[in-house]
mmCIF file of all heavy atoms, coordinates in Angstrom:
data_MODEL
# 
_entry.id   MODEL 
# 
loop_
_atom_site.group_PDB 
_atom_site.id 
_atom_site.type_symbol 
_atom_site.label_atom_id 
_atom_site.label_alt_id 
_atom_site.label_comp_id 
_atom_site.label_asym_id 
_atom_site.label_entity_id 
_atom_site.label_seq_id 
_atom_site.pdbx_PDB_ins_code 
_atom_site.Cartn_x 
_atom_site.Cartn_y 
_atom_site.Cartn_z 
_atom_site.occupancy 
_atom_site.B_iso_or_equiv 
_atom_site.pdbx_formal_charge 
_atom_site.auth_seq_id 
_atom_site.auth_comp_id 
_atom_site.auth_asym_id 
_atom_site.auth_atom_id 
_atom_site.pdbx_PDB_model_num 
ATOM 1   N N   . GLY A 1 1  ? 160.629 95.520  274.977 1.00 0.00 ? 1  GLY A N   1 
ATOM 2   C CA  . GLY A 1 1  ? 161.614 94.592  275.669 1.00 0.00 ? 1  GLY A CA  1 
ATOM 3   C C   . GLY A 1 1  ? 161.288 93.150  275.417 1.00 0.00 ? 1  GLY A C   1 
ATOM 4   O O   . GLY A 1 1  ? 162.149 92.305  275.754 1.00 0.00 ? 1  GLY A O   1 
ATOM 5   N N   . GLY A 1 2  ? 160.131 92.829  274.969 1.00 0.00 ? 2  GLY A N   1 
ATOM 6   C CA  . GLY A 1 2  ? 159.795 91.443  274.688 1.00 0.00 ? 2  GLY A CA  1 
ATOM 7   C C   . GLY A 1 2  ? 160.367 91.002  273.330 1.00 0.00 ? 2  GLY A C   1 
ATOM 8   O O   . GLY A 1 2  ? 161.070 91.777  272.614 1.00 0.00 ? 2  GLY A O   1 
ATOM 9   N N   . SER A 1 3  ? 160.112 89.742  272.910 1.00 0.00 ? 3  SER A N   1 
ATOM 10  C CA  . SER A 1 3  ? 160.534 89.257  271.656 1.00 0.00 ? 3  SER A CA  1 
ATOM 11  C C   . SER A 1 3  ? 159.325 88.916  270.809 1.00 0.00 ? 3  SER A C   1 
ATOM 12  O O   . SER A 1 3  ? 158.227 88.719  271.286 1.00 0.00 ? 3  SER A O   1 
ATOM 13  C CB  . SER A 1 3  ? 161.398 87.968  271.874 1.00 0.00 ? 3  SER A CB  1 
ATOM 14  O OG  . SER A 1 3  ? 160.652 86.949  272.451 1.00 0.00 ? 3  SER A OG  1 
ATOM 15  N N   . LEU A 1 4  ? 159.587 88.886  269.535 1.00 0.00 ? 4  LEU A N   1 
ATOM 16  C CA  . LEU A 1 4  ? 158.515 88.658  268.577 1.00 0.00 ? 4  LEU A CA  1 
ATOM 17  C C   . LEU A 1 4  ? 159.003 87.797  267.391 1.00 0.00 ? 4  LEU A C   1 
ATOM 18  O O   . LEU A 1 4  ? 160.092 88.074  266.889 1.00 0.00 ? 4  LEU A O   1 
ATOM 19  C CB  . LEU A 1 4  ? 157.970 89.991  268.045 1.00 0.00 ? 4  LEU A CB  1 
ATOM 20  C CG  . LEU A 1 4  ? 156.861 89.929  266.986 1.00 0.00 ? 4  LEU A CG  1 
ATOM 21  C CD1 . LEU A 1 4  ? 155.556 89.482  267.634 1.00 0.00 ? 4  LEU A CD1 1 
ATOM 22  C CD2 . LEU A 1 4  ? 156.663 91.324  266.352 1.00 0.00 ? 4  LEU A CD2 1 
ATOM 23  N N   . SER A 1 5  ? 158.208 86.894  266.935 1.00 0.00 ? 5  SER A N   1 
ATOM 24  C CA  . SER A 1 5  ? 158.569 86.044  265.754 1.00 0.00 ? 5  SER A CA  1 
ATOM 25  C C   . SER A 1 5  ? 157.490 86.140  264.778 1.00 0.00 ? 5  SER A C   1 
ATOM 26  O O   . SER A 1 5  ? 156.281 85.855  265.072 1.00 0.00 ? 5  SER A O   1 
ATOM 27  C CB  . SER A 1 5  ? 158.862 84.628  266.194 1.00 0.00 ? 5  SER A CB  1 
ATOM 28  O OG  . SER A 1 5  ? 159.981 84.551  267.059 1.00 0.00 ? 5  SER A OG  1 
ATOM 29  N N   . LEU A 1 6  ? 157.796 86.347  263.561 1.00 0.00 ? 6  LEU A N   1 
ATOM 30  C CA  . LEU A 1 6  ? 156.918 86.383  262.426 1.00 0.00 ? 6  LEU A CA  1 
ATOM 31  C C   . LEU A 1 6  ? 157.274 85.236  261.409 1.00 0.00 ? 6  LEU A C   1 
ATOM 32  O O   . LEU A 1 6  ? 158.470 84.881  261.370 1.00 0.00 ? 6  LEU A O   1 
ATOM 33  C CB  . LEU A 1 6  ? 156.924 87.703  261.698 1.00 0.00 ? 6  LEU A CB  1 
ATOM 34  C CG  . LEU A 1 6  ? 156.646 88.950  262.546 1.00 0.00 ? 6  LEU A CG  1 
ATOM 35  C CD1 . LEU A 1 6  ? 156.746 90.179  261.651 1.00 0.00 ? 6  LEU A CD1 1 
ATOM 36  C CD2 . LEU A 1 6  ? 155.290 88.875  263.220 1.00 0.00 ? 6  LEU A CD2 1 
ATOM 37  N N   . ALA A 1 7  ? 156.334 84.798  260.659 1.00 0.00 ? 7  ALA A N   1 
ATOM 38  C CA  . ALA A 1 7  ? 156.606 83.772  259.656 1.00 0.00 ? 7  ALA A CA  1 
ATOM 39  C C   . ALA A 1 7  ? 155.920 84.147  258.389 1.00 0.00 ? 7  ALA A C   1 
ATOM 40  O O   . ALA A 1 7  ? 154.851 84.817  258.409 1.00 0.00 ? 7  ALA A O   1 
ATOM 41  C CB  . ALA A 1 7  ? 156.166 82.381  260.116 1.00 0.00 ? 7  ALA A CB  1 
ATOM 42  N N   . CYS A 1 8  ? 156.474 83.717  257.277 1.00 0.00 ? 8  CYS A N   1 
ATOM 43  C CA  . CYS A 1 8  ? 155.839 83.926  255.959 1.00 0.00 ? 8  CYS A CA  1 
ATOM 44  C C   . CYS A 1 8  ? 155.957 82.637  255.171 1.00 0.00 ? 8  CYS A C   1 
ATOM 45  O O   . CYS A 1 8  ? 157.085 82.128  254.976 1.00 0.00 ? 8  CYS A O   1 
ATOM 46  C CB  . CYS A 1 8  ? 156.536 85.049  255.226 1.00 0.00 ? 8  CYS A CB  1 
ATOM 47  S SG  . CYS A 1 8  ? 156.069 85.209  253.492 1.00 0.00 ? 8  CYS A SG  1 
ATOM 48  N N   . THR A 1 9  ? 154.851 82.057  254.841 1.00 0.00 ? 9  THR A N   1 
ATOM 49  C CA  . THR A 1 9  ? 154.890 80.854  254.052 1.00 0.00 ? 9  THR A CA  1 
ATOM 50  C C   . THR A 1 9  ? 154.466 81.129  252.584 1.00 0.00 ? 9  THR A C   1 
ATOM 51  O O   . THR A 1 9  ? 153.449 81.776  252.320 1.00 0.00 ? 9  THR A O   1 
ATOM 52  C CB  . THR A 1 9  ? 153.864 79.863  254.602 1.00 0.00 ? 9  THR A CB  1 
ATOM 53  O OG1 . THR A 1 9  ? 154.299 79.519  255.958 1.00 0.00 ? 9  THR A OG1 1 
ATOM 54  C CG2 . THR A 1 9  ? 153.844 78.564  253.803 1.00 0.00 ? 9  THR A CG2 1 
ATOM 55  N N   . ALA A 1 10 ? 155.353 80.681  251.700 1.00 0.00 ? 10 ALA A N   1 
ATOM 56  C CA  . ALA A 1 10 ? 155.110 80.882  250.216 1.00 0.00 ? 10 ALA A CA  1 
ATOM 57  C C   . ALA A 1 10 ? 154.612 79.625  249.581 1.00 0.00 ? 10 ALA A C   1 
ATOM 58  O O   . ALA A 1 10 ? 155.038 78.495  249.942 1.00 0.00 ? 10 ALA A O   1 
ATOM 59  C CB  . ALA A 1 10 ? 156.381 81.323  249.599 1.00 0.00 ? 10 ALA A CB  1 
ATOM 60  N N   . SER A 1 11 ? 153.631 79.770  248.696 1.00 0.00 ? 11 SER A N   1 
ATOM 61  C CA  . SER A 1 11 ? 153.181 78.641  247.968 1.00 0.00 ? 11 SER A CA  1 
ATOM 62  C C   . SER A 1 11 ? 152.780 79.054  246.513 1.00 0.00 ? 11 SER A C   1 
ATOM 63  O O   . SER A 1 11 ? 152.675 80.197  246.235 1.00 0.00 ? 11 SER A O   1 
ATOM 64  C CB  . SER A 1 11 ? 151.919 78.119  248.603 1.00 0.00 ? 11 SER A CB  1 
ATOM 65  O OG  . SER A 1 11 ? 150.903 78.995  248.630 1.00 0.00 ? 11 SER A OG  1 
ATOM 66  N N   . GLY A 1 12 ? 152.720 78.052  245.687 1.00 0.00 ? 12 GLY A N   1 
ATOM 67  C CA  . GLY A 1 12 ? 152.282 78.293  244.307 1.00 0.00 ? 12 GLY A CA  1 
ATOM 68  C C   . GLY A 1 12 ? 153.415 78.682  243.333 1.00 0.00 ? 12 GLY A C   1 
ATOM 69  O O   . GLY A 1 12 ? 153.147 78.956  242.148 1.00 0.00 ? 12 GLY A O   1 
ATOM 70  N N   . PHE A 1 13 ? 154.673 78.669  243.795 1.00 0.00 ? 13 PHE A N   1 
ATOM 71  C CA  . PHE A 1 13 ? 155.736 79.040  242.924 1.00 0.00 ? 13 PHE A CA  1 
ATOM 72  C C   . PHE A 1 13 ? 156.075 77.917  241.964 1.00 0.00 ? 13 PHE A C   1 
ATOM 73  O O   . PHE A 1 13 ? 156.038 76.772  242.351 1.00 0.00 ? 13 PHE A O   1 
ATOM 74  C CB  . PHE A 1 13 ? 156.981 79.372  243.698 1.00 0.00 ? 13 PHE A CB  1 
ATOM 75  C CG  . PHE A 1 13 ? 157.001 80.741  244.352 1.00 0.00 ? 13 PHE A CG  1 
ATOM 76  C CD1 . PHE A 1 13 ? 156.786 80.843  245.691 1.00 0.00 ? 13 PHE A CD1 1 
ATOM 77  C CD2 . PHE A 1 13 ? 157.197 81.878  243.565 1.00 0.00 ? 13 PHE A CD2 1 
ATOM 78  C CE1 . PHE A 1 13 ? 156.745 82.135  246.329 1.00 0.00 ? 13 PHE A CE1 1 
ATOM 79  C CE2 . PHE A 1 13 ? 157.188 83.144  244.190 1.00 0.00 ? 13 PHE A CE2 1 
ATOM 80  C CZ  . PHE A 1 13 ? 156.988 83.217  245.487 1.00 0.00 ? 13 PHE A CZ  1 
ATOM 81  N N   . THR A 1 14 ? 156.365 78.265  240.731 1.00 0.00 ? 14 THR A N   1 
ATOM 82  C CA  . THR A 1 14 ? 157.004 77.330  239.759 1.00 0.00 ? 14 THR A CA  1 
ATOM 83  C C   . THR A 1 14 ? 158.482 77.650  239.757 1.00 0.00 ? 14 THR A C   1 
ATOM 84  O O   . THR A 1 14 ? 158.876 78.721  239.233 1.00 0.00 ? 14 THR A O   1 
ATOM 85  C CB  . THR A 1 14 ? 156.345 77.517  238.391 1.00 0.00 ? 14 THR A CB  1 
ATOM 86  O OG1 . THR A 1 14 ? 154.960 77.200  238.461 1.00 0.00 ? 14 THR A OG1 1 
ATOM 87  C CG2 . THR A 1 14 ? 157.017 76.516  237.393 1.00 0.00 ? 14 THR A CG2 1 
ATOM 88  N N   . GLY A 1 15 ? 159.245 76.769  240.307 1.00 0.00 ? 15 GLY A N   1 
ATOM 89  C CA  . GLY A 1 15 ? 160.691 77.101  240.457 1.00 0.00 ? 15 GLY A CA  1 
ATOM 90  C C   . GLY A 1 15 ? 160.949 77.716  241.766 1.00 0.00 ? 15 GLY A C   1 
ATOM 91  O O   . GLY A 1 15 ? 160.006 77.987  242.533 1.00 0.00 ? 15 GLY A O   1 
ATOM 92  N N   . SER A 1 16 ? 162.107 77.980  242.063 1.00 0.00 ? 16 SER A N   1 
ATOM 93  C CA  . SER A 1 16 ? 162.594 78.523  243.323 1.00 0.00 ? 16 SER A CA  1 
ATOM 94  C C   . SER A 1 16 ? 162.624 80.059  243.325 1.00 0.00 ? 16 SER A C   1 
ATOM 95  O O   . SER A 1 16 ? 162.724 80.691  242.244 1.00 0.00 ? 16 SER A O   1 
ATOM 96  C CB  . SER A 1 16 ? 163.978 77.935  243.728 1.00 0.00 ? 16 SER A CB  1 
ATOM 97  O OG  . SER A 1 16 ? 164.948 78.427  242.739 1.00 0.00 ? 16 SER A OG  1 
ATOM 98  N N   . THR A 1 17 ? 162.557 80.676  244.515 1.00 0.00 ? 17 THR A N   1 
ATOM 99  C CA  . THR A 1 17 ? 162.702 82.075  244.629 1.00 0.00 ? 17 THR A CA  1 
ATOM 100 C C   . THR A 1 17 ? 164.256 82.423  244.598 1.00 0.00 ? 17 THR A C   1 
ATOM 101 O O   . THR A 1 17 ? 165.112 81.541  244.894 1.00 0.00 ? 17 THR A O   1 
ATOM 102 C CB  . THR A 1 17 ? 162.126 82.598  245.932 1.00 0.00 ? 17 THR A CB  1 
ATOM 103 O OG1 . THR A 1 17 ? 162.745 81.965  247.033 1.00 0.00 ? 17 THR A OG1 1 
ATOM 104 C CG2 . THR A 1 17 ? 160.618 82.256  245.924 1.00 0.00 ? 17 THR A CG2 1 
ATOM 105 N N   . LYS A 1 18 ? 164.585 83.660  244.349 1.00 0.00 ? 18 LYS A N   1 
ATOM 106 C CA  . LYS A 1 18 ? 166.011 84.159  244.396 1.00 0.00 ? 18 LYS A CA  1 
ATOM 107 C C   . LYS A 1 18 ? 166.264 84.778  245.715 1.00 0.00 ? 18 LYS A C   1 
ATOM 108 O O   . LYS A 1 18 ? 167.268 84.513  246.361 1.00 0.00 ? 18 LYS A O   1 
ATOM 109 C CB  . LYS A 1 18 ? 166.278 85.094  243.220 1.00 0.00 ? 18 LYS A CB  1 
ATOM 110 C CG  . LYS A 1 18 ? 166.077 84.457  241.861 1.00 0.00 ? 18 LYS A CG  1 
ATOM 111 C CD  . LYS A 1 18 ? 167.226 83.446  241.604 1.00 0.00 ? 18 LYS A CD  1 
ATOM 112 C CE  . LYS A 1 18 ? 167.111 82.923  240.174 1.00 0.00 ? 18 LYS A CE  1 
ATOM 113 N NZ  . LYS A 1 18 ? 168.188 81.989  239.916 1.00 0.00 ? 18 LYS A NZ  1 
ATOM 114 N N   . SER A 1 19 ? 165.330 85.688  246.164 1.00 0.00 ? 19 SER A N   1 
ATOM 115 C CA  . SER A 1 19 ? 165.510 86.366  247.410 1.00 0.00 ? 19 SER A CA  1 
ATOM 116 C C   . SER A 1 19 ? 164.120 86.558  248.009 1.00 0.00 ? 19 SER A C   1 
ATOM 117 O O   . SER A 1 19 ? 163.112 86.675  247.294 1.00 0.00 ? 19 SER A O   1 
ATOM 118 C CB  . SER A 1 19 ? 166.194 87.707  247.257 1.00 0.00 ? 19 SER A CB  1 
ATOM 119 O OG  . SER A 1 19 ? 167.530 87.602  246.922 1.00 0.00 ? 19 SER A OG  1 
ATOM 120 N N   . MET A 1 20 ? 164.027 86.530  249.306 1.00 0.00 ? 20 MET A N   1 
ATOM 121 C CA  . MET A 1 20 ? 162.819 86.909  250.034 1.00 0.00 ? 20 MET A CA  1 
ATOM 122 C C   . MET A 1 20 ? 163.173 87.900  251.080 1.00 0.00 ? 20 MET A C   1 
ATOM 123 O O   . MET A 1 20 ? 164.344 88.003  251.506 1.00 0.00 ? 20 MET A O   1 
ATOM 124 C CB  . MET A 1 20 ? 162.203 85.634  250.676 1.00 0.00 ? 20 MET A CB  1 
ATOM 125 C CG  . MET A 1 20 ? 161.757 84.624  249.609 1.00 0.00 ? 20 MET A CG  1 
ATOM 126 S SD  . MET A 1 20 ? 160.853 83.190  250.401 1.00 0.00 ? 20 MET A SD  1 
ATOM 127 C CE  . MET A 1 20 ? 159.334 84.004  250.963 1.00 0.00 ? 20 MET A CE  1 
ATOM 128 N N   . ALA A 1 21 ? 162.164 88.652  251.531 1.00 0.00 ? 21 ALA A N   1 
ATOM 129 C CA  . ALA A 1 21 ? 162.450 89.832  252.394 1.00 0.00 ? 21 ALA A CA  1 
ATOM 130 C C   . ALA A 1 21 ? 161.298 90.170  253.242 1.00 0.00 ? 21 ALA A C   1 
ATOM 131 O O   . ALA A 1 21 ? 160.118 89.728  252.976 1.00 0.00 ? 21 ALA A O   1 
ATOM 132 C CB  . ALA A 1 21 ? 162.869 91.054  251.566 1.00 0.00 ? 21 ALA A CB  1 
ATOM 133 N N   . TRP A 1 22 ? 161.633 90.882  254.329 1.00 0.00 ? 22 TRP A N   1 
ATOM 134 C CA  . TRP A 1 22 ? 160.590 91.481  255.145 1.00 0.00 ? 22 TRP A CA  1 
ATOM 135 C C   . TRP A 1 22 ? 160.661 93.018  254.989 1.00 0.00 ? 22 TRP A C   1 
ATOM 136 O O   . TRP A 1 22 ? 161.781 93.581  255.070 1.00 0.00 ? 22 TRP A O   1 
ATOM 137 C CB  . TRP A 1 22 ? 160.774 91.134  256.606 1.00 0.00 ? 22 TRP A CB  1 
ATOM 138 C CG  . TRP A 1 22 ? 160.414 89.701  257.005 1.00 0.00 ? 22 TRP A CG  1 
ATOM 139 C CD1 . TRP A 1 22 ? 161.281 88.693  257.096 1.00 0.00 ? 22 TRP A CD1 1 
ATOM 140 C CD2 . TRP A 1 22 ? 159.119 89.246  257.280 1.00 0.00 ? 22 TRP A CD2 1 
ATOM 141 N NE1 . TRP A 1 22 ? 160.574 87.546  257.428 1.00 0.00 ? 22 TRP A NE1 1 
ATOM 142 C CE2 . TRP A 1 22 ? 159.332 87.893  257.564 1.00 0.00 ? 22 TRP A CE2 1 
ATOM 143 C CE3 . TRP A 1 22 ? 157.852 89.767  257.335 1.00 0.00 ? 22 TRP A CE3 1 
ATOM 144 C CZ2 . TRP A 1 22 ? 158.182 87.074  257.873 1.00 0.00 ? 22 TRP A CZ2 1 
ATOM 145 C CZ3 . TRP A 1 22 ? 156.759 89.031  257.654 1.00 0.00 ? 22 TRP A CZ3 1 
ATOM 146 C CH2 . TRP A 1 22 ? 156.925 87.654  257.949 1.00 0.00 ? 22 TRP A CH2 1 
ATOM 147 N N   . PHE A 1 23 ? 159.565 93.645  254.731 1.00 0.00 ? 23 PHE A N   1 
ATOM 148 C CA  . PHE A 1 23 ? 159.394 95.074  254.799 1.00 0.00 ? 23 PHE A CA  1 
ATOM 149 C C   . PHE A 1 23 ? 158.430 95.462  255.935 1.00 0.00 ? 23 PHE A C   1 
ATOM 150 O O   . PHE A 1 23 ? 157.622 94.647  256.328 1.00 0.00 ? 23 PHE A O   1 
ATOM 151 C CB  . PHE A 1 23 ? 158.917 95.635  253.404 1.00 0.00 ? 23 PHE A CB  1 
ATOM 152 C CG  . PHE A 1 23 ? 159.955 95.663  252.351 1.00 0.00 ? 23 PHE A CG  1 
ATOM 153 C CD1 . PHE A 1 23 ? 160.395 94.524  251.727 1.00 0.00 ? 23 PHE A CD1 1 
ATOM 154 C CD2 . PHE A 1 23 ? 160.471 96.857  251.913 1.00 0.00 ? 23 PHE A CD2 1 
ATOM 155 C CE1 . PHE A 1 23 ? 161.376 94.543  250.759 1.00 0.00 ? 23 PHE A CE1 1 
ATOM 156 C CE2 . PHE A 1 23 ? 161.402 96.957  250.903 1.00 0.00 ? 23 PHE A CE2 1 
ATOM 157 C CZ  . PHE A 1 23 ? 161.854 95.741  250.349 1.00 0.00 ? 23 PHE A CZ  1 
ATOM 158 N N   . ARG A 1 24 ? 158.530 96.682  256.316 1.00 0.00 ? 24 ARG A N   1 
ATOM 159 C CA  . ARG A 1 24 ? 157.535 97.142  257.338 1.00 0.00 ? 24 ARG A CA  1 
ATOM 160 C C   . ARG A 1 24 ? 157.115 98.606  257.009 1.00 0.00 ? 24 ARG A C   1 
ATOM 161 O O   . ARG A 1 24 ? 157.927 99.366  256.433 1.00 0.00 ? 24 ARG A O   1 
ATOM 162 C CB  . ARG A 1 24 ? 158.005 97.039  258.726 1.00 0.00 ? 24 ARG A CB  1 
ATOM 163 C CG  . ARG A 1 24 ? 159.115 98.010  259.112 1.00 0.00 ? 24 ARG A CG  1 
ATOM 164 C CD  . ARG A 1 24 ? 159.605 97.749  260.545 1.00 0.00 ? 24 ARG A CD  1 
ATOM 165 N NE  . ARG A 1 24 ? 160.566 98.648  260.973 1.00 0.00 ? 24 ARG A NE  1 
ATOM 166 C CZ  . ARG A 1 24 ? 161.310 98.616  262.129 1.00 0.00 ? 24 ARG A CZ  1 
ATOM 167 N NH1 . ARG A 1 24 ? 160.997 97.567  263.011 1.00 0.00 ? 24 ARG A NH1 1 
ATOM 168 N NH2 . ARG A 1 24 ? 162.175 99.454  262.418 1.00 0.00 ? 24 ARG A NH2 1 
ATOM 169 N N   . GLN A 1 25 ? 155.946 98.971  257.413 1.00 0.00 ? 25 GLN A N   1 
ATOM 170 C CA  . GLN A 1 25 ? 155.520 100.353 257.172 1.00 0.00 ? 25 GLN A CA  1 
ATOM 171 C C   . GLN A 1 25 ? 154.933 100.824 258.533 1.00 0.00 ? 25 GLN A C   1 
ATOM 172 O O   . GLN A 1 25 ? 153.901 100.346 259.092 1.00 0.00 ? 25 GLN A O   1 
ATOM 173 C CB  . GLN A 1 25 ? 154.435 100.432 256.126 1.00 0.00 ? 25 GLN A CB  1 
ATOM 174 C CG  . GLN A 1 25 ? 154.054 101.829 255.725 1.00 0.00 ? 25 GLN A CG  1 
ATOM 175 C CD  . GLN A 1 25 ? 153.366 101.921 254.374 1.00 0.00 ? 25 GLN A CD  1 
ATOM 176 O OE1 . GLN A 1 25 ? 152.824 100.847 253.914 1.00 0.00 ? 25 GLN A OE1 1 
ATOM 177 N NE2 . GLN A 1 25 ? 153.272 103.078 253.789 1.00 0.00 ? 25 GLN A NE2 1 
ATOM 178 N N   . ARG A 1 26 ? 155.563 101.816 259.137 1.00 0.00 ? 26 ARG A N   1 
ATOM 179 C CA  . ARG A 1 26 ? 155.107 102.414 260.347 1.00 0.00 ? 26 ARG A CA  1 
ATOM 180 C C   . ARG A 1 26 ? 154.107 103.481 260.046 1.00 0.00 ? 26 ARG A C   1 
ATOM 181 O O   . ARG A 1 26 ? 154.116 104.051 258.933 1.00 0.00 ? 26 ARG A O   1 
ATOM 182 C CB  . ARG A 1 26 ? 156.305 103.003 261.127 1.00 0.00 ? 26 ARG A CB  1 
ATOM 183 C CG  . ARG A 1 26 ? 157.310 101.956 261.512 1.00 0.00 ? 26 ARG A CG  1 
ATOM 184 C CD  . ARG A 1 26 ? 158.640 102.600 261.810 1.00 0.00 ? 26 ARG A CD  1 
ATOM 185 N NE  . ARG A 1 26 ? 158.596 103.542 262.915 1.00 0.00 ? 26 ARG A NE  1 
ATOM 186 C CZ  . ARG A 1 26 ? 159.644 104.339 263.312 1.00 0.00 ? 26 ARG A CZ  1 
ATOM 187 N NH1 . ARG A 1 26 ? 160.798 104.227 262.681 1.00 0.00 ? 26 ARG A NH1 1 
ATOM 188 N NH2 . ARG A 1 26 ? 159.451 105.225 264.327 1.00 0.00 ? 26 ARG A NH2 1 
ATOM 189 N N   . PRO A 1 27 ? 153.240 103.832 260.954 1.00 0.00 ? 27 PRO A N   1 
ATOM 190 C CA  . PRO A 1 27 ? 152.239 104.853 260.711 1.00 0.00 ? 27 PRO A CA  1 
ATOM 191 C C   . PRO A 1 27 ? 152.817 106.165 260.217 1.00 0.00 ? 27 PRO A C   1 
ATOM 192 O O   . PRO A 1 27 ? 153.716 106.678 260.903 1.00 0.00 ? 27 PRO A O   1 
ATOM 193 C CB  . PRO A 1 27 ? 151.535 105.014 262.064 1.00 0.00 ? 27 PRO A CB  1 
ATOM 194 C CG  . PRO A 1 27 ? 151.719 103.664 262.709 1.00 0.00 ? 27 PRO A CG  1 
ATOM 195 C CD  . PRO A 1 27 ? 153.076 103.237 262.324 1.00 0.00 ? 27 PRO A CD  1 
ATOM 196 N N   . GLY A 1 28 ? 152.364 106.647 259.082 1.00 0.00 ? 28 GLY A N   1 
ATOM 197 C CA  . GLY A 1 28 ? 152.875 107.925 258.588 1.00 0.00 ? 28 GLY A CA  1 
ATOM 198 C C   . GLY A 1 28 ? 154.195 107.864 257.896 1.00 0.00 ? 28 GLY A C   1 
ATOM 199 O O   . GLY A 1 28 ? 154.746 108.896 257.528 1.00 0.00 ? 28 GLY A O   1 
# 
């Protein structure tokens, strides 16, 4: 019932990204 915020910081790229995404893996 609570809220959660995640962040992802990218570095070291030469040029821009096209797409970025979040994936998750639940146990099993």
